[in-house]
Amino acid sequence: MRDFSKILGQFESRQEILWTGALALLCFFVLFHNLGAAALFEPDEGRNAEVAREILLLKDWVTPHYDFIPYLDKPMFFYWPVALAYKLFGVSEWSARLPSALAALGCVLLVYDLAQRPLGAWGGFWSSLVLLTSPAFFAFSRTVIFDMPLTFFITLALWAFYRGKSADGKPKRLFFLVMYGAMGCATLVKGPIGFVLPAMAISLYLLLTQRWSILREMDVALGLWLFILIAAPWYLWVELRNPGYIRYFLLEENLLRYLTPHFNRGQPWYYYVEVLAVGFFPWSALIYAPFKQIAPALRDERRLFLLLWAILPLLFFSLSVAKQPGYILPIFPPLSVLMGEAITRMLRASSTKARRPLAIPWLILLAALSCFTLALSLPDLLTGHLKQQPLEVLALIRQISGPFIPLLLMLAALSAGASIWAEPRFYYLISCVFFSIFHLFGVAAMELISQMRSSQHLAEKAALLIRPGDQMVIYDSYLSSLPFYLRVDRPIWVVSPGRRSTIMGSLYMAERKPQPSAGFGKTVLSFEEFSEVWNQSPARLLVFADEKRLAPLYQEASVSPKRLLTVGRVALVTNQ
């Protein structure tokens, strides 16, 4: 007769494979399903997608360009994989977002590995689910923006440090080399912060644990050379092509951004508490759980490392004058590990009393969904931006919500009960089902909202009116995705008052006034310069502008503008 324990072990192994497969399907579904459905959000997505497209047009893989003008507000690294995705799969929203989705997938895999070590596979399953279903992580995983790749490389660096300090022999050295390489890549993605955040967590961990012997094992000299070999060449190369760039980037894009309101992005000190409450929802309702019994946690070196990884960036960016929601995205992986472990421990408790806190997120979700449903039925209850939308937009929101809200309410109620009384595997399954449906709702909502925050529809209508030889102009406005959707192969002129601190969202363009790529003339014009061109140009000018900002053109022009179309608040006028 076969040993019963062996049979049980094989059964549990097969169950683990099954649940791992279920997690893999959920992960693929959340990160890649309908990845290109939403239009590019302005300003960031539209601009970043276009910068990557112009790499292929100009065949310049060193200096990023936007509207064919050097755009050096951010390093080049992020644009490389986007441009490569364009070459492999064609230019589209899907290929532009693919690098961010892959970076998010990498974060999930690293979180699973970190979490499953002390508590087994279920610690990994829950930690991965928490990360995947956090609204901020979900949103940035499907956005053409720097924060998710930066988060992946920071996560990779700290994961490699954690694995390296516990490993022996050759694997130890390999893990530490991966750490240095990841920090070099993170520095290429967004500058010194890619090195500073991991270094802070590692340094304070070594200080508090007094494990200075790890420094000798880290082979710092070799690691520093690897870091420089990865991070330095592009910075030096771009400095040779654009003298003064390194000083501008380090001083203005980093030091002044952190210490001064130079970028007009100041927020109160508690700003990231609000971001975390919304971005980590509904799990933020249990944010206290990993921090219970803090003294024993600080004696546990592993939990101490995760706490430092989560808390230090939050404090660092809270002290910054300039604040953006994506800055604290690197704390989501360690928070998810801590939260996943807390949930796993609660589910292993023998009493239902210990599991009661697990129902809190679901009850809050139920209340939020109920209020949303009531507000859609009674428009007077809507607040903020939604209340200002036209009736047809509200009708579309109701249409999207209709099939999902009743099902989500039912599943949230079922999950609340399952969190307390059901077998843990069933609770995990029903949670996966709820968040899969919620994902469908979220993607549909993002697709609708993107139409209000993109130039896609405008470009589709305008493309029918554009003739060979026409010169397109953006007048005193910022339509960042318009060049991408029009697939322009030469600059769109930009008319802007000289007093603005940014041009097309770029401080670098406004301050340094770089020349367009070779072969193109002046593309940024003042109101006065454009008025002369408008009155004298033999070529047809197609001018895109917010209707409220066209008044100066009507006043200065001797040739009356002719309206061709209006899409939303944007008008297209011509001089012929």
Protein backbone atom coordinates (compact mmCIF):
# COMPACT_ATOMS: atom_id res chain seq x y z
CA MET A 1 0.00 0.00 0.00
CA ARG A 2 1.32 3.41 -0.93
CA ASP A 3 2.13 5.82 1.90
CA PHE A 4 -0.92 8.05 2.53
CA SER A 5 1.31 11.11 3.13
CA LYS A 6 2.87 10.68 -0.33
CA ILE A 7 -0.58 10.47 -1.94
CA LEU A 8 -1.65 13.58 -0.04
CA GLY A 9 1.54 15.36 -1.11
CA GLN A 10 0.91 14.51 -4.77
CA PHE A 11 -2.69 15.71 -4.47
CA GLU A 12 -1.58 19.03 -2.94
CA SER A 13 1.06 19.38 -5.66
CA ARG A 14 -1.56 18.93 -8.38
CA GLN A 15 -3.86 21.41 -6.60
CA GLU A 16 -0.98 23.91 -6.52
CA ILE A 17 -0.46 23.51 -10.27
CA LEU A 18 -4.18 24.06 -10.84
CA TRP A 19 -4.29 27.26 -8.76
CA THR A 20 -1.06 28.51 -10.32
CA GLY A 21 -2.69 28.06 -13.71
CA ALA A 22 -5.76 29.96 -12.53
CA LEU A 23 -3.56 32.83 -11.33
CA ALA A 24 -1.68 32.84 -14.65
CA LEU A 25 -4.98 33.11 -16.56
CA LEU A 26 -6.19 35.94 -14.33
CA CYS A 27 -2.86 37.71 -14.73
CA PHE A 28 -2.94 37.42 -18.52
CA PHE A 29 -6.57 38.56 -18.58
CA VAL A 30 -6.05 41.62 -16.35
CA LEU A 31 -2.82 42.81 -17.96
CA PHE A 32 -3.33 42.02 -21.65
CA HIS A 33 -7.06 41.73 -22.37
CA ASN A 34 -8.15 44.60 -24.66
CA LEU A 35 -4.85 46.36 -23.98
CA GLY A 36 -5.30 48.60 -27.00
CA ALA A 37 -9.02 49.27 -26.62
CA ALA A 38 -8.76 52.71 -25.00
CA ALA A 39 -7.44 55.67 -26.94
CA LEU A 40 -4.21 57.26 -25.79
CA PHE A 41 -4.82 59.49 -22.79
CA GLU A 42 -3.51 63.03 -23.01
CA PRO A 43 -1.09 64.42 -22.18
CA ASP A 44 1.35 61.69 -21.10
CA GLU A 45 0.33 58.68 -23.17
CA GLY A 46 -0.10 60.65 -26.38
CA ARG A 47 3.28 62.33 -26.02
CA ASN A 48 5.22 59.20 -25.01
CA ALA A 49 3.71 57.08 -27.78
CA GLU A 50 4.61 59.75 -30.34
CA VAL A 51 8.19 60.12 -29.06
CA ALA A 52 8.71 56.39 -29.60
CA ARG A 53 7.16 56.58 -33.09
CA GLU A 54 9.54 59.36 -34.07
CA ILE A 55 12.50 57.14 -33.18
CA LEU A 56 11.56 55.02 -36.18
CA LEU A 57 10.83 58.02 -38.42
CA LEU A 58 14.12 59.80 -37.65
CA LYS A 59 16.16 56.63 -37.05
CA ASP A 60 17.60 58.35 -33.99
CA TRP A 61 17.93 56.03 -30.98
CA VAL A 62 19.91 58.53 -28.88
CA THR A 63 17.96 61.80 -28.69
CA PRO A 64 14.20 61.51 -28.12
CA HIS A 65 12.08 63.87 -30.26
CA TYR A 66 8.53 65.09 -29.91
CA ASP A 67 7.02 66.85 -32.91
CA PHE A 68 10.53 66.41 -34.39
CA ILE A 69 12.05 68.66 -31.69
CA PRO A 70 14.52 67.23 -29.12
CA TYR A 71 12.49 66.26 -26.06
CA LEU A 72 14.90 65.65 -23.20
CA ASP A 73 12.68 65.98 -20.16
CA LYS A 74 13.09 62.24 -19.57
CA PRO A 75 15.78 59.67 -20.47
CA MET A 76 15.54 57.56 -23.62
CA PHE A 77 15.37 54.04 -22.17
CA PHE A 78 11.58 53.79 -21.85
CA TYR A 79 11.06 54.70 -25.51
CA TRP A 80 13.33 51.93 -26.82
CA PRO A 81 11.05 48.95 -26.02
CA VAL A 82 8.00 50.91 -27.23
CA ALA A 83 9.75 51.62 -30.56
CA LEU A 84 10.81 47.97 -30.75
CA ALA A 85 7.19 46.90 -30.16
CA TYR A 86 6.19 49.19 -33.06
CA LYS A 87 8.74 47.48 -35.31
CA LEU A 88 7.53 44.01 -34.34
CA PHE A 89 3.77 44.57 -34.18
CA GLY A 90 3.07 47.85 -35.94
CA VAL A 91 2.23 51.28 -34.54
CA SER A 92 -0.86 51.06 -32.32
CA GLU A 93 -2.10 51.69 -28.79
CA TRP A 94 -1.63 47.99 -28.04
CA SER A 95 2.05 47.91 -29.00
CA ALA A 96 2.70 51.24 -27.23
CA ARG A 97 1.33 49.80 -23.97
CA LEU A 98 2.94 46.37 -24.29
CA PRO A 99 6.21 47.26 -22.45
CA SER A 100 4.27 48.56 -19.43
CA ALA A 101 2.11 45.43 -19.35
CA LEU A 102 5.19 43.19 -19.54
CA ALA A 103 6.85 45.18 -16.75
CA ALA A 104 3.70 44.69 -14.63
CA LEU A 105 3.81 40.95 -15.34
CA GLY A 106 7.43 40.91 -14.15
CA CYS A 107 6.38 42.63 -10.90
CA VAL A 108 3.67 40.03 -10.29
CA LEU A 109 6.13 37.16 -10.79
CA LEU A 110 8.67 38.72 -8.42
CA VAL A 111 5.98 39.37 -5.80
CA TYR A 112 4.82 35.75 -6.05
CA ASP A 113 8.38 34.52 -5.47
CA LEU A 114 8.88 36.83 -2.49
CA ALA A 115 5.58 35.89 -0.87
CA GLN A 116 5.56 32.13 -1.36
CA ARG A 117 8.80 31.51 0.51
CA PRO A 118 7.58 31.81 4.13
CA LEU A 119 3.90 30.87 3.67
CA GLY A 120 3.93 28.60 0.62
CA ALA A 121 2.00 28.95 -2.61
CA TRP A 122 -1.06 30.56 -1.01
CA GLY A 123 1.02 33.45 0.26
CA GLY A 124 2.13 33.94 -3.35
CA PHE A 125 -1.41 33.60 -4.75
CA TRP A 126 -2.89 36.19 -2.41
CA SER A 127 0.00 38.66 -2.73
CA SER A 128 -0.18 38.47 -6.52
CA LEU A 129 -3.96 38.92 -6.45
CA VAL A 130 -3.67 41.98 -4.20
CA LEU A 131 -1.10 43.56 -6.54
CA LEU A 132 -3.02 42.74 -9.72
CA THR A 133 -6.30 44.14 -8.42
CA SER A 134 -4.99 47.41 -6.97
CA PRO A 135 -6.44 50.20 -9.15
CA ALA A 136 -3.19 52.16 -9.41
CA PHE A 137 -1.18 49.10 -10.44
CA PHE A 138 -3.87 48.08 -12.95
CA ALA A 139 -4.01 51.60 -14.46
CA PHE A 140 -0.25 52.06 -14.81
CA SER A 141 0.17 48.55 -16.24
CA ARG A 142 -1.98 49.65 -19.20
CA THR A 143 -0.50 53.12 -19.70
CA VAL A 144 2.35 54.39 -21.90
CA ILE A 145 4.26 55.96 -19.04
CA PHE A 146 7.57 55.51 -17.20
CA ASP A 147 6.31 54.47 -13.77
CA MET A 148 5.63 50.77 -14.37
CA PRO A 149 9.01 49.95 -16.00
CA LEU A 150 10.71 51.92 -13.21
CA THR A 151 8.73 49.94 -10.62
CA PHE A 152 9.75 46.66 -12.25
CA PHE A 153 13.47 47.43 -12.18
CA ILE A 154 13.34 48.70 -8.59
CA THR A 155 11.41 45.56 -7.61
CA LEU A 156 13.93 43.40 -9.47
CA ALA A 157 16.85 45.12 -7.71
CA LEU A 158 15.39 44.66 -4.21
CA TRP A 159 14.21 41.11 -4.96
CA ALA A 160 17.74 40.25 -6.14
CA PHE A 161 19.24 41.76 -2.98
CA TYR A 162 16.88 39.75 -0.78
CA ARG A 163 17.65 36.53 -2.64
CA GLY A 164 21.36 37.29 -2.80
CA LYS A 165 21.85 37.85 0.93
CA SER A 166 20.38 34.40 1.63
CA ALA A 167 22.05 32.47 -1.20
CA ASP A 168 25.39 30.64 -1.24
CA GLY A 169 28.17 30.25 -3.76
CA LYS A 170 27.75 31.34 -7.38
CA PRO A 171 24.01 32.10 -7.09
CA LYS A 172 24.81 34.75 -4.44
CA ARG A 173 27.12 36.62 -6.81
CA LEU A 174 24.66 36.28 -9.68
CA PHE A 175 21.80 37.72 -7.60
CA PHE A 176 23.89 40.73 -6.60
CA LEU A 177 24.95 41.33 -10.20
CA VAL A 178 21.27 41.27 -11.20
CA MET A 179 20.66 43.85 -8.46
CA TYR A 180 23.31 46.22 -9.83
CA GLY A 181 22.10 45.68 -13.40
CA ALA A 182 18.50 46.40 -12.41
CA MET A 183 19.53 49.59 -10.63
CA GLY A 184 21.42 50.66 -13.76
CA CYS A 185 18.32 50.05 -15.91
CA ALA A 186 16.10 51.91 -13.41
CA THR A 187 18.50 54.87 -13.60
CA LEU A 188 18.19 54.79 -17.38
CA VAL A 189 14.39 54.78 -17.12
CA LYS A 190 13.98 57.84 -14.90
CA GLY A 191 17.30 59.07 -13.62
CA PRO A 192 18.95 58.96 -10.16
CA ILE A 193 15.74 57.90 -8.41
CA GLY A 194 16.29 54.44 -9.91
CA PHE A 195 19.39 54.13 -7.77
CA VAL A 196 18.33 56.19 -4.75
CA LEU A 197 15.20 54.23 -3.77
CA PRO A 198 16.80 50.75 -3.68
CA ALA A 199 19.96 52.14 -2.03
CA MET A 200 17.90 53.76 0.76
CA ALA A 201 16.08 50.51 1.59
CA ILE A 202 19.24 48.39 1.46
CA SER A 203 21.37 50.84 3.46
CA LEU A 204 18.85 51.26 6.29
CA TYR A 205 18.26 47.52 6.38
CA LEU A 206 22.01 46.89 6.84
CA LEU A 207 22.17 49.61 9.49
CA LEU A 208 19.24 48.29 11.54
CA THR A 209 20.27 44.63 11.32
CA GLN A 210 24.00 45.36 11.70
CA ARG A 211 24.72 42.80 8.99
CA TRP A 212 27.62 44.70 7.48
CA SER A 213 29.19 41.44 6.35
CA ILE A 214 26.71 41.46 3.45
CA LEU A 215 28.58 44.44 2.00
CA ARG A 216 31.67 42.26 1.49
CA GLU A 217 29.54 39.62 -0.21
CA MET A 218 27.94 42.19 -2.54
CA ASP A 219 31.21 42.77 -4.46
CA VAL A 220 30.55 46.51 -4.55
CA ALA A 221 33.50 47.38 -6.84
CA LEU A 222 32.39 44.98 -9.58
CA GLY A 223 28.76 45.99 -9.12
CA LEU A 224 29.62 49.68 -9.46
CA TRP A 225 31.38 49.03 -12.73
CA LEU A 226 28.39 47.06 -14.01
CA PHE A 227 26.05 49.87 -12.94
CA ILE A 228 28.19 52.48 -14.75
CA LEU A 229 28.51 50.28 -17.84
CA ILE A 230 24.71 50.10 -18.11
CA ALA A 231 23.69 53.59 -17.01
CA ALA A 232 26.48 55.90 -18.19
CA PRO A 233 26.91 55.36 -21.98
CA TRP A 234 23.56 56.85 -23.04
CA TYR A 235 23.89 59.86 -20.72
CA LEU A 236 27.37 60.59 -22.10
CA TRP A 237 26.29 60.04 -25.70
CA VAL A 238 23.26 62.32 -25.43
CA GLU A 239 25.40 64.97 -23.69
CA LEU A 240 27.78 64.97 -26.67
CA ARG A 241 24.86 65.50 -29.02
CA ASN A 242 23.01 67.97 -26.78
CA PRO A 243 25.57 69.90 -24.69
CA GLY A 244 24.29 70.90 -21.27
CA TYR A 245 21.75 68.08 -21.04
CA ILE A 246 23.22 66.31 -18.00
CA ARG A 247 23.34 69.55 -15.99
CA TYR A 248 19.76 70.38 -17.00
CA PHE A 249 18.49 66.88 -16.20
CA LEU A 250 20.18 66.53 -12.81
CA LEU A 251 19.54 70.09 -11.68
CA GLU A 252 16.07 70.90 -13.02
CA GLU A 253 14.38 67.56 -13.71
CA ASN A 254 15.53 66.06 -10.41
CA LEU A 255 16.83 68.51 -7.77
CA LEU A 256 14.54 71.46 -8.54
CA ARG A 257 11.56 69.12 -9.08
CA TYR A 258 12.10 67.66 -5.62
CA LEU A 259 12.90 70.87 -3.71
CA THR A 260 10.88 73.63 -5.42
CA PRO A 261 7.46 74.28 -7.01
CA HIS A 262 9.28 74.82 -10.33
CA PHE A 263 6.98 72.32 -12.05
CA ASN A 264 3.72 73.57 -10.53
CA ARG A 265 2.90 70.14 -9.11
CA GLY A 266 2.86 70.99 -5.42
CA GLN A 267 0.55 68.99 -3.16
CA PRO A 268 0.04 68.82 0.63
CA TRP A 269 2.23 66.50 2.69
CA TYR A 270 -0.60 63.97 3.14
CA TYR A 271 -1.20 63.71 -0.63
CA TYR A 272 0.20 60.18 -0.87
CA VAL A 273 -1.98 58.96 1.98
CA GLU A 274 -4.95 59.82 -0.23
CA VAL A 275 -3.28 58.27 -3.31
CA LEU A 276 -2.60 55.07 -1.38
CA ALA A 277 -6.15 54.91 -0.01
CA VAL A 278 -7.59 55.07 -3.55
CA GLY A 279 -4.81 53.37 -5.51
CA PHE A 280 -4.60 50.34 -3.18
CA PHE A 281 -8.38 50.05 -2.78
CA PRO A 282 -10.07 47.87 -1.55
CA TRP A 283 -7.04 46.40 0.21
CA SER A 284 -6.22 49.79 1.75
CA ALA A 285 -9.10 49.05 4.15
CA LEU A 286 -6.80 46.38 5.66
CA ILE A 287 -3.60 48.44 5.48
CA TYR A 288 -3.23 48.22 9.25
CA ALA A 289 -3.02 44.41 9.21
CA PRO A 290 0.66 44.04 8.21
CA PHE A 291 1.62 46.66 10.82
CA LYS A 292 -0.05 44.99 13.79
CA GLN A 293 2.41 43.88 16.47
CA ILE A 294 5.12 46.05 14.93
CA ALA A 295 7.80 45.15 17.51
CA PRO A 296 7.90 41.42 16.57
CA ALA A 297 7.80 42.44 12.91
CA LEU A 298 10.91 44.58 13.33
CA ARG A 299 12.75 41.62 14.83
CA ASP A 300 11.88 39.56 11.74
CA GLU A 301 14.56 40.59 9.20
CA ARG A 302 12.41 39.66 6.24
CA ARG A 303 9.41 41.71 7.33
CA LEU A 304 11.72 44.56 8.32
CA PHE A 305 13.14 44.62 4.79
CA LEU A 306 9.65 44.71 3.26
CA LEU A 307 8.53 47.45 5.66
CA LEU A 308 11.54 49.60 4.78
CA TRP A 309 10.93 49.00 1.08
CA ALA A 310 7.32 50.17 1.48
CA ILE A 311 7.74 53.05 3.94
CA LEU A 312 10.95 54.82 2.85
CA PRO A 313 9.80 55.79 -0.70
CA LEU A 314 6.47 56.97 0.75
CA LEU A 315 8.29 59.26 3.20
CA PHE A 316 10.83 60.35 0.56
CA PHE A 317 8.19 61.47 -1.94
CA SER A 318 5.95 62.96 0.75
CA LEU A 319 8.79 65.39 1.50
CA SER A 320 9.06 66.34 -2.17
CA VAL A 321 7.43 69.57 -3.34
CA ALA A 322 6.45 68.09 -6.70
CA LYS A 323 4.09 65.13 -6.35
CA GLN A 324 2.49 62.80 -8.89
CA PRO A 325 0.42 59.64 -8.21
CA GLY A 326 2.84 57.33 -10.03
CA TYR A 327 5.82 58.29 -7.89
CA ILE A 328 4.84 55.85 -5.12
CA LEU A 329 4.06 52.93 -7.42
CA PRO A 330 7.31 51.14 -6.32
CA ILE A 331 5.82 50.61 -2.83
CA PHE A 332 2.93 48.54 -4.18
CA PRO A 333 4.92 45.26 -4.58
CA PRO A 334 6.17 45.12 -0.95
CA LEU A 335 2.78 46.27 0.36
CA SER A 336 1.13 43.49 -1.65
CA VAL A 337 3.50 40.90 -0.16
CA LEU A 338 2.78 42.13 3.37
CA MET A 339 -0.96 42.26 2.68
CA GLY A 340 -1.01 38.83 1.02
CA GLU A 341 0.76 37.31 4.01
CA ALA A 342 -1.67 38.97 6.43
CA ILE A 343 -4.65 37.62 4.46
CA THR A 344 -3.13 34.13 4.36
CA ARG A 345 -2.60 34.13 8.12
CA MET A 346 -6.18 35.26 8.75
CA LEU A 347 -7.53 32.52 6.50
CA ARG A 348 -5.49 29.91 8.37
CA ALA A 349 -7.02 30.96 11.69
CA SER A 350 -9.37 28.40 13.23
CA SER A 351 -12.00 30.92 14.38
CA THR A 352 -14.34 33.00 12.22
CA LYS A 353 -13.67 35.97 14.54
CA ALA A 354 -10.09 36.18 13.30
CA ARG A 355 -11.36 36.27 9.71
CA ARG A 356 -13.95 39.02 10.20
CA PRO A 357 -11.61 41.85 9.13
CA LEU A 358 -11.40 40.22 5.67
CA ALA A 359 -14.99 41.30 5.03
CA ILE A 360 -14.20 45.00 5.48
CA PRO A 361 -12.90 45.62 1.92
CA TRP A 362 -15.93 43.90 0.43
CA LEU A 363 -18.41 45.82 2.55
CA ILE A 364 -16.76 49.09 1.50
CA LEU A 365 -16.89 47.95 -2.13
CA LEU A 366 -20.58 47.16 -1.71
CA ALA A 367 -21.22 50.63 -0.31
CA ALA A 368 -19.22 52.33 -3.08
CA LEU A 369 -20.95 50.39 -5.87
CA SER A 370 -24.35 51.08 -4.31
CA CYS A 371 -23.66 54.81 -4.11
CA PHE A 372 -22.43 54.83 -7.71
CA THR A 373 -25.59 53.03 -8.87
CA LEU A 374 -27.79 55.45 -6.94
CA ALA A 375 -25.95 58.46 -8.35
CA LEU A 376 -26.44 57.22 -11.93
CA SER A 377 -30.16 56.91 -11.26
CA LEU A 378 -30.34 60.35 -9.60
CA PRO A 379 -27.97 62.66 -11.55
CA ASP A 380 -28.23 65.39 -8.91
CA LEU A 381 -26.10 63.17 -6.66
CA LEU A 382 -23.21 63.10 -9.16
CA THR A 383 -20.21 65.17 -8.20
CA GLY A 384 -17.19 66.72 -9.86
CA HIS A 385 -16.30 65.99 -13.47
CA LEU A 386 -19.11 63.47 -14.01
CA LYS A 387 -21.77 66.05 -13.17
CA GLN A 388 -20.39 68.39 -15.85
CA GLN A 389 -20.62 65.84 -18.65
CA PRO A 390 -23.27 66.11 -21.40
CA LEU A 391 -26.36 63.93 -21.06
CA GLU A 392 -25.19 61.60 -23.85
CA VAL A 393 -21.98 60.87 -21.91
CA LEU A 394 -23.97 60.03 -18.79
CA ALA A 395 -26.18 57.79 -20.92
CA LEU A 396 -23.08 55.93 -22.14
CA ILE A 397 -21.87 55.51 -18.56
CA ARG A 398 -25.25 54.04 -17.60
CA GLN A 399 -25.12 51.77 -20.64
CA ILE A 400 -21.69 50.44 -19.67
CA SER A 401 -22.64 50.07 -16.01
CA GLY A 402 -25.93 48.32 -16.71
CA PRO A 403 -24.65 44.78 -17.40
CA PHE A 404 -21.95 44.90 -14.72
CA ILE A 405 -23.22 46.63 -11.59
CA PRO A 406 -25.89 44.06 -10.52
CA LEU A 407 -23.42 41.21 -11.02
CA LEU A 408 -20.67 43.05 -9.16
CA LEU A 409 -23.01 43.83 -6.25
CA MET A 410 -23.98 40.17 -5.99
CA LEU A 411 -20.36 38.96 -6.19
CA ALA A 412 -19.17 41.54 -3.64
CA ALA A 413 -21.84 40.39 -1.19
CA LEU A 414 -20.92 36.75 -1.82
CA SER A 415 -17.21 37.54 -1.34
CA ALA A 416 -17.93 39.33 1.94
CA GLY A 417 -19.61 36.20 3.27
CA ALA A 418 -16.99 33.86 1.80
CA SER A 419 -14.18 35.83 3.43
CA ILE A 420 -15.53 34.86 6.86
CA TRP A 421 -17.21 31.48 6.49
CA ALA A 422 -16.17 29.79 3.24
CA GLU A 423 -13.30 27.40 2.65
CA PRO A 424 -10.21 29.52 1.74
CA ARG A 425 -9.92 28.07 -1.77
CA PHE A 426 -13.53 29.01 -2.55
CA TYR A 427 -12.95 32.50 -1.18
CA TYR A 428 -9.93 32.89 -3.48
CA LEU A 429 -11.94 31.62 -6.45
CA ILE A 430 -14.87 33.99 -5.88
CA SER A 431 -12.42 36.88 -5.42
CA CYS A 432 -10.84 36.06 -8.79
CA VAL A 433 -14.27 35.96 -10.44
CA PHE A 434 -15.27 39.32 -8.91
CA PHE A 435 -12.09 41.06 -10.04
CA SER A 436 -12.34 39.53 -13.53
CA ILE A 437 -15.80 41.06 -13.93
CA PHE A 438 -14.61 44.29 -12.37
CA HIS A 439 -11.72 44.31 -14.87
CA LEU A 440 -14.19 44.12 -17.77
CA PHE A 441 -16.09 47.04 -16.27
CA GLY A 442 -12.86 48.99 -15.73
CA VAL A 443 -11.64 48.45 -19.30
CA ALA A 444 -15.03 49.53 -20.70
CA ALA A 445 -14.96 52.65 -18.48
CA MET A 446 -11.37 53.49 -19.48
CA GLU A 447 -12.31 53.15 -23.14
CA LEU A 448 -15.17 55.62 -22.66
CA ILE A 449 -13.14 58.08 -20.58
CA SER A 450 -10.26 57.96 -23.07
CA GLN A 451 -12.50 59.40 -25.78
CA MET A 452 -12.85 62.53 -23.63
CA ARG A 453 -9.08 62.68 -23.04
CA SER A 454 -7.68 61.95 -26.50
CA SER A 455 -7.40 63.43 -29.99
CA GLN A 456 -8.23 60.13 -31.70
CA HIS A 457 -11.73 61.08 -32.84
CA LEU A 458 -10.55 64.55 -33.89
CA ALA A 459 -7.70 63.07 -35.94
CA GLU A 460 -10.02 60.58 -37.68
CA LYS A 461 -12.32 63.37 -38.85
CA ALA A 462 -9.51 65.77 -39.73
CA ALA A 463 -7.64 63.15 -41.77
CA LEU A 464 -10.47 63.19 -44.31
CA LEU A 465 -9.86 66.91 -44.93
CA ILE A 466 -6.06 66.98 -45.13
CA ARG A 467 -4.50 67.42 -48.58
CA PRO A 468 -0.88 66.97 -49.67
CA GLY A 469 1.07 70.15 -48.93
CA ASP A 470 -1.18 71.32 -46.09
CA GLN A 471 0.62 72.64 -43.02
CA MET A 472 -1.02 71.63 -39.75
CA VAL A 473 -0.92 73.96 -36.76
CA ILE A 474 -1.84 73.62 -33.08
CA TYR A 475 -2.84 77.06 -31.87
CA ASP A 476 -2.38 77.94 -28.19
CA SER A 477 -3.47 74.42 -27.21
CA TYR A 478 -1.88 71.11 -26.27
CA LEU A 479 -3.18 68.09 -28.20
CA SER A 480 -0.44 65.60 -27.38
CA SER A 481 -1.84 62.56 -29.21
CA LEU A 482 -2.73 64.43 -32.42
CA PRO A 483 0.66 63.81 -34.15
CA PHE A 484 0.41 60.11 -33.28
CA TYR A 485 -3.09 59.65 -34.68
CA LEU A 486 -2.44 61.74 -37.79
CA ARG A 487 0.76 59.70 -38.39
CA VAL A 488 2.59 62.89 -39.37
CA ASP A 489 5.97 62.67 -41.09
CA ARG A 490 6.88 66.33 -40.57
CA PRO A 491 6.33 68.78 -37.70
CA ILE A 492 3.01 70.28 -36.76
CA TRP A 493 3.56 73.97 -36.09
CA VAL A 494 2.91 75.05 -32.53
CA VAL A 495 1.72 78.58 -31.78
CA SER A 496 2.43 79.53 -28.19
CA PRO A 497 2.88 82.72 -26.17
CA GLY A 498 6.54 83.21 -25.27
CA ARG A 499 5.81 83.63 -21.55
CA ARG A 500 4.79 79.99 -21.00
CA SER A 501 6.98 77.82 -18.77
CA THR A 502 6.39 74.77 -20.97
CA ILE A 503 5.92 74.09 -24.67
CA MET A 504 3.88 70.99 -25.50
CA GLY A 505 4.31 69.95 -21.89
CA SER A 506 8.10 70.19 -22.10
CA LEU A 507 10.12 72.41 -19.78
CA TYR A 508 13.23 71.52 -21.77
CA MET A 509 11.74 72.88 -25.01
CA ALA A 510 10.60 76.08 -23.31
CA GLU A 511 13.92 76.78 -21.58
CA ARG A 512 16.49 75.44 -24.07
CA LYS A 513 14.58 76.13 -27.31
CA PRO A 514 16.28 73.25 -29.20
CA GLN A 515 16.26 73.27 -32.99
CA PRO A 516 14.02 70.77 -34.83
CA SER A 517 15.55 67.75 -36.48
CA ALA A 518 17.65 68.49 -39.58
CA GLY A 519 15.60 69.37 -42.66
CA PHE A 520 12.78 71.13 -40.82
CA GLY A 521 12.46 74.87 -40.29
CA LYS A 522 11.13 76.75 -37.30
CA THR A 523 8.11 75.01 -35.81
CA VAL A 524 7.35 76.94 -32.60
CA LEU A 525 5.88 80.36 -33.39
CA SER A 526 4.65 83.28 -31.32
CA PHE A 527 1.20 84.79 -31.92
CA GLU A 528 2.74 87.68 -33.86
CA GLU A 529 4.89 85.43 -36.04
CA PHE A 530 1.97 83.20 -36.87
CA SER A 531 -0.32 86.13 -37.71
CA GLU A 532 2.16 87.21 -40.41
CA VAL A 533 2.42 83.66 -41.78
CA TRP A 534 -1.38 83.29 -41.72
CA ASN A 535 -1.91 86.45 -43.75
CA GLN A 536 0.83 85.73 -46.30
CA SER A 537 1.07 81.94 -46.64
CA PRO A 538 0.37 80.55 -50.12
CA ALA A 539 -0.01 77.08 -48.54
CA ARG A 540 -3.18 75.97 -46.82
CA LEU A 541 -2.90 76.12 -43.04
CA LEU A 542 -5.05 73.78 -40.96
CA VAL A 543 -5.29 75.15 -37.45
CA PHE A 544 -6.46 73.08 -34.46
CA ALA A 545 -7.47 75.11 -31.42
CA ASP A 546 -9.79 75.24 -28.46
CA GLU A 547 -12.67 77.43 -29.58
CA LYS A 548 -12.17 79.73 -26.60
CA ARG A 549 -8.57 80.43 -27.64
CA LEU A 550 -9.19 81.40 -31.25
CA ALA A 551 -10.05 85.02 -30.44
CA PRO A 552 -6.50 86.43 -31.01
CA LEU A 553 -6.38 84.83 -34.47
CA TYR A 554 -9.73 86.35 -35.45
CA GLN A 555 -8.55 89.76 -34.23
CA GLU A 556 -5.13 89.78 -35.92
CA ALA A 557 -5.91 87.98 -39.17
CA SER A 558 -6.67 89.94 -42.30
CA VAL A 559 -7.69 86.62 -43.88
CA SER A 560 -10.78 85.40 -42.05
CA PRO A 561 -10.51 81.81 -40.75
CA LYS A 562 -12.90 79.31 -42.31
CA ARG A 563 -14.24 76.61 -40.03
CA LEU A 564 -13.96 73.05 -41.37
CA LEU A 565 -15.18 71.07 -38.39
CA THR A 566 -15.64 71.06 -34.64
CA VAL A 567 -15.06 68.05 -32.39
CA GLY A 568 -15.91 68.65 -28.75
CA ARG A 569 -14.25 71.91 -27.78
CA VAL A 570 -11.66 71.80 -30.59
CA ALA A 571 -12.22 73.61 -33.88
CA LEU A 572 -10.35 73.08 -37.15
CA VAL A 573 -10.07 76.25 -39.23
CA THR A 574 -8.16 77.15 -42.41
CA ASN A 575 -6.92 80.22 -44.21
CA GLN A 576 -8.24 79.05 -47.60
